[in-house]
Amino acid sequence: MQPLRRLAPFWNWLPAFRAVAESQHLPTASRELNVTAPALSRSVKLLEAHLGQKLFRREGRRIKLTDQGEDFLAAVRDGMRLVHKGLADLQDTTPRGSLFILSSGFATHYVIDGLKEIHRRHPGLHLHVGLDPVEDAPHRLLRGELDLAFHSHSLDVTRLKTERLGEAGNGLYCGPGHPLYGKRKVTPEQIIEHEFVAPTVSGGYEGWPPDLPRSIGMRVSHMHLGCEVCAQGHMLAALPDVFARRFGDGQVLKRLPFELLPPTPLFATYREHLSARTHVEAVLEAVRTQVVKASRRERRK
């Protein structure tokens, strides 16, 4: 009962704190909660007084969170999310509501296939998928702007859980008209004579061996553009096989007999405090299944 007695004074102030923290503007927060701005301001001041911590600082006409405020907002979001889920579970065990997902690089193909199954099994779950740089994912996950991120870089962030789902095979590809197109045997010496199209730092991970030199003729923000360049026969591209097979229905890009490219891992990152029974786990399971299916297809080949 001690935790209950300690938390009792805070319950009425938490919605006010979250509204102000997320809008960073008292009039906007007051309209959101349908209460006056002075009432919101009093609630925030009472909360700070009981915590003994400054949660906000003034910057011009805006109210910014302090570092302590950022940490407390993440905890409040997690707590409210779990309470909301508990209420929903009492009424319906079917996952429903909105889920915000970031997908980076080749992971998108597994995500799309997995989401087809999610939509079939859980039509009440509304999915929002963005193809944004993974560098922004930790901050957005902690702020509650994202629920789940799929990517090819391992992330080690406090309060976030990163899980390895599997890996994708990589290949060296070229398009019709390229001097190496259709070759049954190629050597590293032949390969480095030709230019590559490659992703920018935030445009994707391709797993090219760092000890093997090459000439990069073009960098692109997304390897969808890289596939277009490669298909024109001007440049080589190192691509995840699942990615290359989707381009042009697998009829345009040719995989060269070059097996020095290591596989690319696939990771999922989400808030550590979320219950495993949430809709996040339902999406994770669907994407895991797609990764396993793709690996089996690769082994059969």
C-alpha atoms as a PDB file:
ATOM      1  CA  MET A   1       0.000   0.000   0.000  1.00  0.00           C
ATOM      2  CA  GLN A   2       2.970   2.317   0.476  1.00  0.00           C
ATOM      3  CA  PRO A   3       3.392   2.884  -3.323  1.00  0.00           C
ATOM      4  CA  LEU A   4      -0.318   3.685  -3.577  1.00  0.00           C
ATOM      5  CA  ARG A   5      -0.115   6.296  -0.830  1.00  0.00           C
ATOM      6  CA  ARG A   6       2.952   7.817  -2.459  1.00  0.00           C
ATOM      7  CA  LEU A   7       1.332   7.982  -5.917  1.00  0.00           C
ATOM      8  CA  ALA A   8      -2.106   9.180  -4.799  1.00  0.00           C
ATOM      9  CA  PRO A   9      -1.353  12.952  -4.983  1.00  0.00           C
ATOM     10  CA  PHE A  10       0.077  12.672  -8.500  1.00  0.00           C
ATOM     11  CA  TRP A  11      -2.778  11.096 -10.476  1.00  0.00           C
ATOM     12  CA  ASN A  12      -4.647  14.328 -11.232  1.00  0.00           C
ATOM     13  CA  TRP A  13      -1.470  16.138 -12.330  1.00  0.00           C
ATOM     14  CA  LEU A  14      -0.089  13.596 -14.804  1.00  0.00           C
ATOM     15  CA  PRO A  15      -2.459  14.347 -17.745  1.00  0.00           C
ATOM     16  CA  ALA A  16      -1.676  18.054 -17.335  1.00  0.00           C
ATOM     17  CA  PHE A  17       2.050  17.358 -17.288  1.00  0.00           C
ATOM     18  CA  ARG A  18       1.896  15.169 -20.410  1.00  0.00           C
ATOM     19  CA  ALA A  19      -0.246  17.630 -22.371  1.00  0.00           C
ATOM     20  CA  VAL A  20       2.104  20.525 -21.589  1.00  0.00           C
ATOM     21  CA  ALA A  21       5.216  18.422 -22.198  1.00  0.00           C
ATOM     22  CA  GLU A  22       4.075  17.216 -25.613  1.00  0.00           C
ATOM     23  CA  SER A  23       2.733  20.547 -26.864  1.00  0.00           C
ATOM     24  CA  GLN A  24       5.354  22.730 -25.116  1.00  0.00           C
ATOM     25  CA  HIS A  25       2.685  25.434 -25.211  1.00  0.00           C
ATOM     26  CA  LEU A  26       0.165  26.124 -22.421  1.00  0.00           C
ATOM     27  CA  PRO A  27      -2.706  27.448 -24.630  1.00  0.00           C
ATOM     28  CA  THR A  28      -2.435  24.394 -26.914  1.00  0.00           C
ATOM     29  CA  ALA A  29      -2.407  22.014 -23.940  1.00  0.00           C
ATOM     30  CA  SER A  30      -5.381  23.777 -22.353  1.00  0.00           C
ATOM     31  CA  ARG A  31      -7.424  23.350 -25.552  1.00  0.00           C
ATOM     32  CA  GLU A  32      -6.409  19.678 -25.709  1.00  0.00           C
ATOM     33  CA  LEU A  33      -7.628  18.962 -22.167  1.00  0.00           C
ATOM     34  CA  ASN A  34     -10.454  21.538 -22.172  1.00  0.00           C
ATOM     35  CA  VAL A  35      -9.165  23.260 -19.018  1.00  0.00           C
ATOM     36  CA  THR A  36      -7.800  26.754 -18.484  1.00  0.00           C
ATOM     37  CA  ALA A  37      -4.129  27.556 -18.960  1.00  0.00           C
ATOM     38  CA  PRO A  38      -3.787  28.859 -15.350  1.00  0.00           C
ATOM     39  CA  ALA A  39      -5.208  25.558 -14.053  1.00  0.00           C
ATOM     40  CA  LEU A  40      -2.656  23.618 -16.098  1.00  0.00           C
ATOM     41  CA  SER A  41       0.142  25.850 -14.868  1.00  0.00           C
ATOM     42  CA  ARG A  42      -0.899  25.259 -11.233  1.00  0.00           C
ATOM     43  CA  SER A  43      -0.986  21.482 -11.779  1.00  0.00           C
ATOM     44  CA  VAL A  44       2.532  21.488 -13.234  1.00  0.00           C
ATOM     45  CA  LYS A  45       3.868  23.649 -10.373  1.00  0.00           C
ATOM     46  CA  LEU A  46       2.269  21.365  -7.771  1.00  0.00           C
ATOM     47  CA  LEU A  47       3.773  18.322  -9.503  1.00  0.00           C
ATOM     48  CA  GLU A  48       7.244  19.912  -9.530  1.00  0.00           C
ATOM     49  CA  ALA A  49       6.881  20.891  -5.872  1.00  0.00           C
ATOM     50  CA  HIS A  50       5.978  17.345  -4.802  1.00  0.00           C
ATOM     51  CA  LEU A  51       8.760  15.838  -6.915  1.00  0.00           C
ATOM     52  CA  GLY A  52      11.329  18.389  -5.821  1.00  0.00           C
ATOM     53  CA  GLN A  53      12.505  18.605  -9.437  1.00  0.00           C
ATOM     54  CA  LYS A  54      12.204  21.206 -12.183  1.00  0.00           C
ATOM     55  CA  LEU A  55      10.524  19.514 -15.138  1.00  0.00           C
ATOM     56  CA  PHE A  56      10.330  22.538 -17.470  1.00  0.00           C
ATOM     57  CA  ARG A  57      12.394  25.575 -18.420  1.00  0.00           C
ATOM     58  CA  ARG A  58      11.342  28.666 -20.346  1.00  0.00           C
ATOM     59  CA  GLU A  59      12.858  29.361 -23.784  1.00  0.00           C
ATOM     60  CA  GLY A  60      11.234  32.467 -25.201  1.00  0.00           C
ATOM     61  CA  ARG A  61       7.518  31.815 -25.587  1.00  0.00           C
ATOM     62  CA  ARG A  62       7.973  28.049 -25.463  1.00  0.00           C
ATOM     63  CA  ILE A  63       8.232  25.690 -22.477  1.00  0.00           C
ATOM     64  CA  LYS A  64      10.983  23.073 -22.853  1.00  0.00           C
ATOM     65  CA  LEU A  65      11.479  19.911 -20.843  1.00  0.00           C
ATOM     66  CA  THR A  66      14.550  19.579 -18.642  1.00  0.00           C
ATOM     67  CA  ASP A  67      16.515  16.302 -18.763  1.00  0.00           C
ATOM     68  CA  GLN A  68      14.565  15.169 -15.687  1.00  0.00           C
ATOM     69  CA  GLY A  69      11.355  16.162 -17.450  1.00  0.00           C
ATOM     70  CA  GLU A  70      12.258  14.077 -20.524  1.00  0.00           C
ATOM     71  CA  ASP A  71      12.868  11.017 -18.331  1.00  0.00           C
ATOM     72  CA  PHE A  72       9.632  11.537 -16.418  1.00  0.00           C
ATOM     73  CA  LEU A  73       7.629  11.995 -19.635  1.00  0.00           C
ATOM     74  CA  ALA A  74       8.902   8.647 -20.944  1.00  0.00           C
ATOM     75  CA  ALA A  75       7.828   6.964 -17.701  1.00  0.00           C
ATOM     76  CA  VAL A  76       4.397   8.657 -17.754  1.00  0.00           C
ATOM     77  CA  ARG A  77       3.830   7.600 -21.355  1.00  0.00           C
ATOM     78  CA  ASP A  78       4.719   3.984 -20.568  1.00  0.00           C
ATOM     79  CA  GLY A  79       2.486   3.987 -17.500  1.00  0.00           C
ATOM     80  CA  MET A  80      -0.497   5.489 -19.320  1.00  0.00           C
ATOM     81  CA  ARG A  81      -0.004   3.126 -22.232  1.00  0.00           C
ATOM     82  CA  LEU A  82      -0.081   0.080 -19.961  1.00  0.00           C
ATOM     83  CA  VAL A  83      -3.160   1.349 -18.087  1.00  0.00           C
ATOM     84  CA  HIS A  84      -4.889   1.972 -21.424  1.00  0.00           C
ATOM     85  CA  LYS A  85      -3.962  -1.507 -22.564  1.00  0.00           C
ATOM     86  CA  GLY A  86      -5.267  -3.011 -19.327  1.00  0.00           C
ATOM     87  CA  LEU A  87      -8.609  -1.298 -19.873  1.00  0.00           C
ATOM     88  CA  ALA A  88      -8.704  -2.517 -23.472  1.00  0.00           C
ATOM     89  CA  ASP A  89      -7.862  -6.094 -22.426  1.00  0.00           C
ATOM     90  CA  LEU A  90     -10.838  -6.119 -20.060  1.00  0.00           C
ATOM     91  CA  GLN A  91     -13.107  -5.330 -22.974  1.00  0.00           C
ATOM     92  CA  ASP A  92     -11.441  -7.118 -25.872  1.00  0.00           C
ATOM     93  CA  THR A  93      -8.383  -9.357 -26.208  1.00  0.00           C
ATOM     94  CA  THR A  94      -7.920  -8.503 -29.884  1.00  0.00           C
ATOM     95  CA  PRO A  95      -5.048  -6.059 -30.609  1.00  0.00           C
ATOM     96  CA  ARG A  96      -6.494  -2.810 -31.890  1.00  0.00           C
ATOM     97  CA  GLY A  97      -5.600   0.847 -32.147  1.00  0.00           C
ATOM     98  CA  SER A  98      -2.690   2.608 -33.863  1.00  0.00           C
ATOM     99  CA  LEU A  99       0.874   1.314 -34.120  1.00  0.00           C
ATOM    100  CA  PHE A 100       3.677   3.553 -35.390  1.00  0.00           C
ATOM    101  CA  ILE A 101       6.562   1.748 -37.095  1.00  0.00           C
ATOM    102  CA  LEU A 102       9.858   2.874 -38.579  1.00  0.00           C
ATOM    103  CA  SER A 103      11.446   0.606 -41.170  1.00  0.00           C
ATOM    104  CA  SER A 104      14.905   1.154 -42.609  1.00  0.00           C
ATOM    105  CA  GLY A 105      16.479  -0.299 -45.747  1.00  0.00           C
ATOM    106  CA  PHE A 106      15.793  -3.884 -46.787  1.00  0.00           C
ATOM    107  CA  ALA A 107      13.868  -4.549 -43.550  1.00  0.00           C
ATOM    108  CA  THR A 108      10.881  -2.890 -45.230  1.00  0.00           C
ATOM    109  CA  HIS A 109      10.243  -5.950 -47.406  1.00  0.00           C
ATOM    110  CA  TYR A 110       9.906  -8.262 -44.411  1.00  0.00           C
ATOM    111  CA  VAL A 111       7.773  -5.690 -42.617  1.00  0.00           C
ATOM    112  CA  ILE A 112       5.378  -5.272 -45.555  1.00  0.00           C
ATOM    113  CA  ASP A 113       4.919  -9.033 -45.902  1.00  0.00           C
ATOM    114  CA  GLY A 114       4.401  -9.361 -42.163  1.00  0.00           C
ATOM    115  CA  LEU A 115       1.913  -6.514 -42.057  1.00  0.00           C
ATOM    116  CA  LYS A 116      -0.236  -8.239 -44.652  1.00  0.00           C
ATOM    117  CA  GLU A 117      -0.678 -11.099 -42.187  1.00  0.00           C
ATOM    118  CA  ILE A 118      -1.279  -8.685 -39.290  1.00  0.00           C
ATOM    119  CA  HIS A 119      -4.017  -6.909 -41.243  1.00  0.00           C
ATOM    120  CA  ARG A 120      -5.679 -10.241 -42.021  1.00  0.00           C
ATOM    121  CA  ARG A 121      -5.595 -11.465 -38.409  1.00  0.00           C
ATOM    122  CA  HIS A 122      -6.128  -8.140 -36.600  1.00  0.00           C
ATOM    123  CA  PRO A 123      -8.172  -5.776 -38.794  1.00  0.00           C
ATOM    124  CA  GLY A 124      -8.707  -3.437 -35.840  1.00  0.00           C
ATOM    125  CA  LEU A 125      -4.985  -2.653 -35.643  1.00  0.00           C
ATOM    126  CA  HIS A 126      -4.128   0.450 -37.696  1.00  0.00           C
ATOM    127  CA  LEU A 127      -0.501   0.532 -38.818  1.00  0.00           C
ATOM    128  CA  HIS A 128       1.514   3.637 -39.697  1.00  0.00           C
ATOM    129  CA  VAL A 129       4.836   2.815 -41.390  1.00  0.00           C
ATOM    130  CA  GLY A 130       7.561   5.356 -42.129  1.00  0.00           C
ATOM    131  CA  LEU A 131      10.786   4.860 -44.087  1.00  0.00           C
ATOM    132  CA  ASP A 132      12.922   7.190 -41.980  1.00  0.00           C
ATOM    133  CA  PRO A 133      16.624   7.121 -41.019  1.00  0.00           C
ATOM    134  CA  VAL A 134      17.251   4.788 -38.097  1.00  0.00           C
ATOM    135  CA  GLU A 135      19.424   7.423 -36.387  1.00  0.00           C
ATOM    136  CA  ASP A 136      16.230   9.185 -35.225  1.00  0.00           C
ATOM    137  CA  ALA A 137      14.596   6.006 -33.922  1.00  0.00           C
ATOM    138  CA  PRO A 138      15.880   5.891 -30.287  1.00  0.00           C
ATOM    139  CA  HIS A 139      14.774   9.436 -29.486  1.00  0.00           C
ATOM    140  CA  ARG A 140      11.381   8.958 -31.138  1.00  0.00           C
ATOM    141  CA  LEU A 141      10.825   5.620 -29.403  1.00  0.00           C
ATOM    142  CA  LEU A 142      11.602   7.121 -26.004  1.00  0.00           C
ATOM    143  CA  ARG A 143       9.282  10.062 -26.683  1.00  0.00           C
ATOM    144  CA  GLY A 144       6.463   7.710 -27.652  1.00  0.00           C
ATOM    145  CA  GLU A 145       6.338   8.916 -31.260  1.00  0.00           C
ATOM    146  CA  LEU A 146       7.214   5.391 -32.421  1.00  0.00           C
ATOM    147  CA  ASP A 147       6.254   1.974 -31.078  1.00  0.00           C
ATOM    148  CA  LEU A 148       8.633  -0.186 -33.072  1.00  0.00           C
ATOM    149  CA  ALA A 149      11.680   0.215 -35.356  1.00  0.00           C
ATOM    150  CA  PHE A 150      13.138  -2.325 -37.791  1.00  0.00           C
ATOM    151  CA  HIS A 151      16.731  -1.787 -38.933  1.00  0.00           C
ATOM    152  CA  SER A 152      20.122  -3.396 -39.633  1.00  0.00           C
ATOM    153  CA  HIS A 153      22.213  -1.761 -36.870  1.00  0.00           C
ATOM    154  CA  SER A 154      22.247  -2.988 -33.291  1.00  0.00           C
ATOM    155  CA  LEU A 155      21.120  -0.227 -30.899  1.00  0.00           C
ATOM    156  CA  ASP A 156      22.114  -0.181 -27.227  1.00  0.00           C
ATOM    157  CA  VAL A 157      19.935   2.433 -25.525  1.00  0.00           C
ATOM    158  CA  THR A 158      18.715   2.521 -21.917  1.00  0.00           C
ATOM    159  CA  ARG A 159      14.973   1.748 -21.643  1.00  0.00           C
ATOM    160  CA  LEU A 160      14.927   0.305 -25.168  1.00  0.00           C
ATOM    161  CA  LYS A 161      15.076  -3.377 -26.031  1.00  0.00           C
ATOM    162  CA  THR A 162      16.764  -4.500 -29.264  1.00  0.00           C
ATOM    163  CA  GLU A 163      16.107  -7.994 -30.575  1.00  0.00           C
ATOM    164  CA  ARG A 164      17.875  -9.735 -33.455  1.00  0.00           C
ATOM    165  CA  LEU A 165      15.264 -11.258 -35.764  1.00  0.00           C
ATOM    166  CA  GLY A 166      17.587 -12.918 -38.279  1.00  0.00           C
ATOM    167  CA  GLU A 167      19.708 -11.951 -41.254  1.00  0.00           C
ATOM    168  CA  ALA A 168      19.499 -11.409 -45.003  1.00  0.00           C
ATOM    169  CA  GLY A 169      21.918 -12.721 -47.606  1.00  0.00           C
ATOM    170  CA  ASN A 170      23.706 -10.157 -49.787  1.00  0.00           C
ATOM    171  CA  GLY A 171      24.802 -10.338 -53.400  1.00  0.00           C
ATOM    172  CA  LEU A 172      26.643  -8.318 -56.008  1.00  0.00           C
ATOM    173  CA  TYR A 173      24.306  -7.202 -58.812  1.00  0.00           C
ATOM    174  CA  CYS A 174      24.469  -5.506 -62.192  1.00  0.00           C
ATOM    175  CA  GLY A 175      22.031  -4.671 -64.974  1.00  0.00           C
ATOM    176  CA  PRO A 176      21.864  -5.459 -68.723  1.00  0.00           C
ATOM    177  CA  GLY A 177      24.621  -3.772 -70.653  1.00  0.00           C
ATOM    178  CA  HIS A 178      27.181  -3.942 -67.863  1.00  0.00           C
ATOM    179  CA  PRO A 179      30.459  -5.650 -68.881  1.00  0.00           C
ATOM    180  CA  LEU A 180      30.042  -8.259 -66.121  1.00  0.00           C
ATOM    181  CA  TYR A 181      26.376  -9.017 -66.864  1.00  0.00           C
ATOM    182  CA  GLY A 182      25.883 -12.775 -67.340  1.00  0.00           C
ATOM    183  CA  LYS A 183      29.452 -13.705 -66.406  1.00  0.00           C
ATOM    184  CA  ARG A 184      29.739 -17.172 -64.898  1.00  0.00           C
ATOM    185  CA  LYS A 185      32.907 -16.304 -63.021  1.00  0.00           C
ATOM    186  CA  VAL A 186      34.261 -13.007 -61.740  1.00  0.00           C
ATOM    187  CA  THR A 187      37.301 -12.155 -59.625  1.00  0.00           C
ATOM    188  CA  PRO A 188      37.768  -9.380 -57.070  1.00  0.00           C
ATOM    189  CA  GLU A 189      40.254  -7.795 -59.478  1.00  0.00           C
ATOM    190  CA  GLN A 190      37.598  -7.615 -62.196  1.00  0.00           C
ATOM    191  CA  ILE A 191      35.029  -6.187 -59.815  1.00  0.00           C
ATOM    192  CA  ILE A 192      37.114  -3.310 -58.478  1.00  0.00           C
ATOM    193  CA  GLU A 193      37.676  -2.096 -62.062  1.00  0.00           C
ATOM    194  CA  HIS A 194      34.031  -0.946 -62.119  1.00  0.00           C
ATOM    195  CA  GLU A 195      32.197   1.788 -60.251  1.00  0.00           C
ATOM    196  CA  PHE A 196      29.519   1.163 -57.606  1.00  0.00           C
ATOM    197  CA  VAL A 197      26.334   2.897 -56.595  1.00  0.00           C
ATOM    198  CA  ALA A 198      26.160   2.856 -52.788  1.00  0.00           C
ATOM    199  CA  PRO A 199      23.974   4.286 -50.030  1.00  0.00           C
ATOM    200  CA  THR A 200      24.775   7.366 -48.007  1.00  0.00           C
ATOM    201  CA  VAL A 201      25.443   6.824 -44.306  1.00  0.00           C
ATOM    202  CA  SER A 202      21.710   7.157 -43.545  1.00  0.00           C
ATOM    203  CA  GLY A 203      20.547   5.548 -46.768  1.00  0.00           C
ATOM    204  CA  GLY A 204      21.024   1.922 -45.845  1.00  0.00           C
ATOM    205  CA  TYR A 205      23.474  -0.803 -44.903  1.00  0.00           C
ATOM    206  CA  GLU A 206      24.886  -3.046 -47.604  1.00  0.00           C
ATOM    207  CA  GLY A 207      27.629  -4.987 -45.816  1.00  0.00           C
ATOM    208  CA  TRP A 208      30.471  -4.390 -48.264  1.00  0.00           C
ATOM    209  CA  PRO A 209      33.716  -5.840 -46.766  1.00  0.00           C
ATOM    210  CA  PRO A 210      35.767  -2.869 -45.453  1.00  0.00           C
ATOM    211  CA  ASP A 211      39.048  -4.509 -46.453  1.00  0.00           C
ATOM    212  CA  LEU A 212      38.025  -4.832 -50.123  1.00  0.00           C
ATOM    213  CA  PRO A 213      38.636  -1.539 -51.996  1.00  0.00           C
ATOM    214  CA  ARG A 214      36.209  -0.256 -54.611  1.00  0.00           C
ATOM    215  CA  SER A 215      35.333   2.902 -56.507  1.00  0.00           C
ATOM    216  CA  ILE A 216      31.988   4.530 -55.637  1.00  0.00           C
ATOM    217  CA  GLY A 217      30.639   6.531 -58.537  1.00  0.00           C
ATOM    218  CA  MET A 218      27.364   7.594 -56.905  1.00  0.00           C
ATOM    219  CA  ARG A 219      25.783   7.696 -53.453  1.00  0.00           C
ATOM    220  CA  VAL A 220      22.009   7.688 -53.015  1.00  0.00           C
ATOM    221  CA  SER A 221      19.728   8.343 -50.064  1.00  0.00           C
ATOM    222  CA  HIS A 222      17.705   5.172 -50.720  1.00  0.00           C
ATOM    223  CA  MET A 223      18.807   2.008 -52.458  1.00  0.00           C
ATOM    224  CA  HIS A 224      15.572   1.997 -54.454  1.00  0.00           C
ATOM    225  CA  LEU A 225      17.383   4.679 -56.463  1.00  0.00           C
ATOM    226  CA  GLY A 226      20.503   2.525 -56.393  1.00  0.00           C
ATOM    227  CA  CYS A 227      18.584  -0.309 -58.042  1.00  0.00           C
ATOM    228  CA  GLU A 228      17.459   2.062 -60.798  1.00  0.00           C
ATOM    229  CA  VAL A 229      21.052   3.121 -61.451  1.00  0.00           C
ATOM    230  CA  CYS A 230      22.287  -0.464 -61.338  1.00  0.00           C
ATOM    231  CA  ALA A 231      19.534  -1.624 -63.724  1.00  0.00           C
ATOM    232  CA  GLN A 232      20.748   0.870 -66.340  1.00  0.00           C
ATOM    233  CA  GLY A 233      23.972  -1.128 -66.607  1.00  0.00           C
ATOM    234  CA  HIS A 234      26.257   1.720 -65.546  1.00  0.00           C
ATOM    235  CA  MET A 235      27.272   0.626 -62.048  1.00  0.00           C
ATOM    236  CA  LEU A 236      27.476  -2.372 -59.745  1.00  0.00           C
ATOM    237  CA  ALA A 237      25.498  -2.555 -56.497  1.00  0.00           C
ATOM    238  CA  ALA A 238      25.850  -4.672 -53.378  1.00  0.00           C
ATOM    239  CA  LEU A 239      22.269  -5.487 -52.372  1.00  0.00           C
ATOM    240  CA  PRO A 240      20.359  -7.737 -49.978  1.00  0.00           C
ATOM    241  CA  ASP A 241      18.987 -10.558 -52.109  1.00  0.00           C
ATOM    242  CA  VAL A 242      15.438  -9.985 -50.847  1.00  0.00           C
ATOM    243  CA  PHE A 243      15.723  -6.382 -52.016  1.00  0.00           C
ATOM    244  CA  ALA A 244      17.110  -7.186 -55.476  1.00  0.00           C
ATOM    245  CA  ARG A 245      14.512  -9.884 -56.157  1.00  0.00           C
ATOM    246  CA  ARG A 246      11.682  -7.390 -55.647  1.00  0.00           C
ATOM    247  CA  PHE A 247      13.070  -4.923 -58.162  1.00  0.00           C
ATOM    248  CA  GLY A 248      11.611  -5.450 -61.636  1.00  0.00           C
ATOM    249  CA  ASP A 249      10.011  -8.718 -60.506  1.00  0.00           C
ATOM    250  CA  GLY A 250      13.493 -10.218 -60.286  1.00  0.00           C
ATOM    251  CA  GLN A 251      13.975 -10.067 -64.069  1.00  0.00           C
ATOM    252  CA  VAL A 252      16.296  -7.063 -64.429  1.00  0.00           C
ATOM    253  CA  LEU A 253      19.186  -7.280 -61.969  1.00  0.00           C
ATOM    254  CA  LYS A 254      21.593 -10.172 -62.334  1.00  0.00           C
ATOM    255  CA  ARG A 255      23.400 -11.635 -59.303  1.00  0.00           C
ATOM    256  CA  LEU A 256      27.096 -12.121 -60.019  1.00  0.00           C
ATOM    257  CA  PRO A 257      28.972 -15.245 -58.816  1.00  0.00           C
ATOM    258  CA  PHE A 258      30.741 -13.395 -56.014  1.00  0.00           C
ATOM    259  CA  GLU A 259      30.274 -14.744 -52.490  1.00  0.00           C
ATOM    260  CA  LEU A 260      32.428 -12.501 -50.279  1.00  0.00           C
ATOM    261  CA  LEU A 261      29.572 -10.381 -48.939  1.00  0.00           C
ATOM    262  CA  PRO A 262      28.548 -11.226 -45.359  1.00  0.00           C
ATOM    263  CA  PRO A 263      24.845 -11.397 -44.471  1.00  0.00           C
ATOM    264  CA  THR A 264      23.124  -8.310 -43.055  1.00  0.00           C
ATOM    265  CA  PRO A 265      21.419  -8.654 -39.650  1.00  0.00           C
ATOM    266  CA  LEU A 266      17.860  -7.543 -39.023  1.00  0.00           C
ATOM    267  CA  PHE A 267      16.961  -5.988 -35.658  1.00  0.00           C
ATOM    268  CA  ALA A 268      13.802  -4.720 -33.991  1.00  0.00           C
ATOM    269  CA  THR A 269      13.867  -2.093 -31.237  1.00  0.00           C
ATOM    270  CA  TYR A 270      11.034  -1.107 -28.917  1.00  0.00           C
ATOM    271  CA  ARG A 271      10.456   0.284 -25.434  1.00  0.00           C
ATOM    272  CA  GLU A 272      11.578  -2.173 -22.804  1.00  0.00           C
ATOM    273  CA  HIS A 273       8.692  -1.487 -20.430  1.00  0.00           C
ATOM    274  CA  LEU A 274       5.974  -2.552 -22.841  1.00  0.00           C
ATOM    275  CA  SER A 275       4.188  -5.786 -22.018  1.00  0.00           C
ATOM    276  CA  ALA A 276       4.934  -8.753 -24.298  1.00  0.00           C
ATOM    277  CA  ARG A 277       1.178  -9.140 -24.869  1.00  0.00           C
ATOM    278  CA  THR A 278       0.819  -5.840 -26.692  1.00  0.00           C
ATOM    279  CA  HIS A 279       0.224  -5.444 -30.398  1.00  0.00           C
ATOM    280  CA  VAL A 280       3.969  -4.769 -30.712  1.00  0.00           C
ATOM    281  CA  GLU A 281       4.601  -8.457 -30.045  1.00  0.00           C
ATOM    282  CA  ALA A 282       1.999  -9.424 -32.654  1.00  0.00           C
ATOM    283  CA  VAL A 283       3.877  -7.438 -35.311  1.00  0.00           C
ATOM    284  CA  LEU A 284       7.249  -8.789 -34.162  1.00  0.00           C
ATOM    285  CA  GLU A 285       6.006 -12.347 -34.514  1.00  0.00           C
ATOM    286  CA  ALA A 286       4.664 -11.673 -38.017  1.00  0.00           C
ATOM    287  CA  VAL A 287       7.977 -10.176 -39.187  1.00  0.00           C
ATOM    288  CA  ARG A 288       9.992 -12.980 -37.552  1.00  0.00           C
ATOM    289  CA  THR A 289       7.932 -15.454 -39.555  1.00  0.00           C
ATOM    290  CA  GLN A 290       8.752 -13.648 -42.809  1.00  0.00           C
ATOM    291  CA  VAL A 291      12.481 -13.647 -42.017  1.00  0.00           C
ATOM    292  CA  VAL A 292      12.408 -17.396 -41.336  1.00  0.00           C
ATOM    293  CA  LYS A 293      10.493 -18.066 -44.570  1.00  0.00           C
ATOM    294  CA  ALA A 294      12.983 -16.013 -46.605  1.00  0.00           C
ATOM    295  CA  SER A 295      15.938 -17.860 -45.015  1.00  0.00           C
ATOM    296  CA  ARG A 296      14.385 -21.206 -45.918  1.00  0.00           C
ATOM    297  CA  ARG A 297      13.902 -20.088 -49.518  1.00  0.00           C
ATOM    298  CA  GLU A 298      17.557 -19.006 -49.701  1.00  0.00           C
ATOM    299  CA  ARG A 299      18.738 -22.380 -48.359  1.00  0.00           C
ATOM    300  CA  ARG A 300      16.655 -24.262 -50.921  1.00  0.00           C
ATOM    301  CA  LYS A 301      18.391 -22.288 -53.686  1.00  0.00           C
END
